[in-house]
Structure formats: C-alpha cells, structure tokens
Amino acid sequence: MSDQIPESVTAELLGIRDEIERIDRAIIELIGDRVRLAQRVGGVKRAAGLPTLDPPREAAVVRRAGALARDAGLADEEIRYIFWHIIGLSRRMQMDAR
C-alpha cells in the first residue's frame, strides 16, 4: 500500500469540503437573518411593553426544531441543543435592540 492518497480521492475530498464550506456559509447567513429578525422582535416587544424572555415560546421553538430534526433523520437532542444556543443569541440581540 502506498502512503500517497490517490489523486482521484484528493479531488473528491476537495469537492466535498468545498460543498461543506458553502453550506457553512449558508448556515451563518441564515443565523444572521434570524438574529436580525430577533432584534426586530425585541423592538416590537419593547414598544408593546412585553418582556423579552418568553419561556413557553422558546420551548415551543426548540420542540419544533427537534421534530424537524427527527423528520430529517437527525439526532433531535443534538439539534435541540444547538437551537437553545441560537435562541440564547437571539434573546441577547432582542435585549440589545433599540
């Protein structure tokens, strides 16, 4: 066996990695979109005198994400974990919204 990776494998890996990077950029862009919307929500809540923290809403979002994950064949626990972090980021942006 050779220690060299065949050129065809290297090319395939590079192609796959390029696709992963494209998806990563799209994920970051979508998180940015979500954060900007959360900032708008914060402004609307503030104007209406509503609290930023809405535990039932946050829990519903996480449950929905878990269900969507299961439907997509993903580990719902891992996706719920990610969504709790995204919600935390969104909540902080709501608090900072002016």
Protein backbone atom coordinates (compact mmCIF):
# COMPACT_ATOMS: atom_id res chain seq x y z
CA MET A 1 0.00 0.00 0.00
CA SER A 2 1.17 3.45 -0.80
CA ASP A 3 1.32 6.31 1.71
CA GLN A 4 0.12 8.62 -1.05
CA ILE A 5 -3.56 9.42 -1.36
CA PRO A 6 -4.70 8.80 -4.92
CA GLU A 7 -5.36 11.98 -6.89
CA SER A 8 -8.97 10.96 -7.53
CA VAL A 9 -9.60 10.67 -3.77
CA THR A 10 -7.92 14.01 -3.12
CA ALA A 11 -10.08 15.67 -5.78
CA GLU A 12 -13.23 14.10 -4.35
CA LEU A 13 -12.34 15.22 -0.81
CA LEU A 14 -11.68 18.77 -2.02
CA GLY A 15 -15.04 18.85 -3.79
CA ILE A 16 -16.88 17.59 -0.73
CA ARG A 17 -15.06 20.04 1.53
CA ASP A 18 -15.92 22.91 -0.82
CA GLU A 19 -19.59 21.91 -0.57
CA ILE A 20 -19.35 21.76 3.24
CA GLU A 21 -17.85 25.27 3.27
CA ARG A 22 -20.69 26.50 1.04
CA ILE A 23 -23.23 25.04 3.44
CA ASP A 24 -21.40 26.53 6.44
CA ARG A 25 -21.60 29.98 4.82
CA ALA A 26 -25.31 29.48 4.21
CA ILE A 27 -25.86 28.42 7.84
CA ILE A 28 -24.06 31.54 9.09
CA GLU A 29 -26.09 33.72 6.73
CA LEU A 30 -29.33 32.16 7.97
CA ILE A 31 -28.31 32.63 11.61
CA GLY A 32 -27.58 36.27 10.79
CA ASP A 33 -31.05 36.60 9.24
CA ARG A 34 -32.58 35.06 12.36
CA VAL A 35 -30.66 37.38 14.68
CA ARG A 36 -31.76 40.44 12.70
CA LEU A 37 -35.38 39.30 12.96
CA ALA A 38 -34.91 38.73 16.70
CA GLN A 39 -33.70 42.32 17.00
CA ARG A 40 -36.90 43.47 15.28
CA VAL A 41 -38.96 41.30 17.63
CA GLY A 42 -37.15 42.93 20.55
CA GLY A 43 -38.09 46.36 19.32
CA VAL A 44 -41.74 45.39 18.88
CA LYS A 45 -41.83 43.75 22.32
CA ARG A 46 -40.26 46.79 23.94
CA ALA A 47 -42.71 49.17 22.23
CA ALA A 48 -45.61 47.00 23.42
CA GLY A 49 -44.23 46.73 26.95
CA LEU A 50 -43.73 42.97 26.65
CA PRO A 51 -40.89 41.08 28.35
CA THR A 52 -38.01 39.86 26.25
CA LEU A 53 -37.98 36.46 27.92
CA ASP A 54 -40.80 34.18 26.72
CA PRO A 55 -40.03 30.66 28.05
CA PRO A 56 -43.13 28.96 26.55
CA ARG A 57 -42.31 30.38 23.10
CA GLU A 58 -38.65 29.38 23.38
CA ALA A 59 -39.59 25.84 24.44
CA ALA A 60 -42.04 25.57 21.52
CA VAL A 61 -39.32 26.62 19.07
CA VAL A 62 -36.94 24.01 20.47
CA ARG A 63 -39.61 21.30 20.35
CA ARG A 64 -40.38 22.19 16.73
CA ALA A 65 -36.67 22.03 15.87
CA GLY A 66 -36.44 18.60 17.50
CA ALA A 67 -39.41 17.35 15.49
CA LEU A 68 -37.96 18.73 12.26
CA ALA A 69 -34.65 17.05 13.10
CA ARG A 70 -36.34 13.68 13.62
CA ASP A 71 -38.18 14.10 10.32
CA ALA A 72 -34.82 14.76 8.64
CA GLY A 73 -33.23 11.70 10.25
CA LEU A 74 -31.06 13.74 12.61
CA ALA A 75 -30.48 13.35 16.34
CA ASP A 76 -33.16 15.59 17.81
CA GLU A 77 -31.28 16.02 21.10
CA GLU A 78 -28.27 17.50 19.31
CA ILE A 79 -30.44 19.84 17.25
CA ARG A 80 -32.35 20.97 20.35
CA TYR A 81 -29.00 21.76 21.99
CA ILE A 82 -27.97 23.87 19.00
CA PHE A 83 -31.31 25.67 18.99
CA TRP A 84 -31.08 26.56 22.68
CA HIS A 85 -27.82 28.32 21.83
CA ILE A 86 -29.34 30.07 18.83
CA ILE A 87 -32.28 31.18 20.99
CA GLY A 88 -29.87 32.49 23.62
CA LEU A 89 -28.07 34.52 20.95
CA SER A 90 -31.39 35.78 19.62
CA ARG A 91 -32.57 36.74 23.11
CA ARG A 92 -29.40 38.73 23.72
CA MET A 93 -29.94 40.53 20.40
CA GLN A 94 -33.54 41.29 21.41
CA MET A 95 -32.28 42.85 24.63
CA ASP A 96 -29.78 44.95 22.69
CA ALA A 97 -32.33 46.09 20.09
CA ARG A 98 -33.09 49.78 20.12
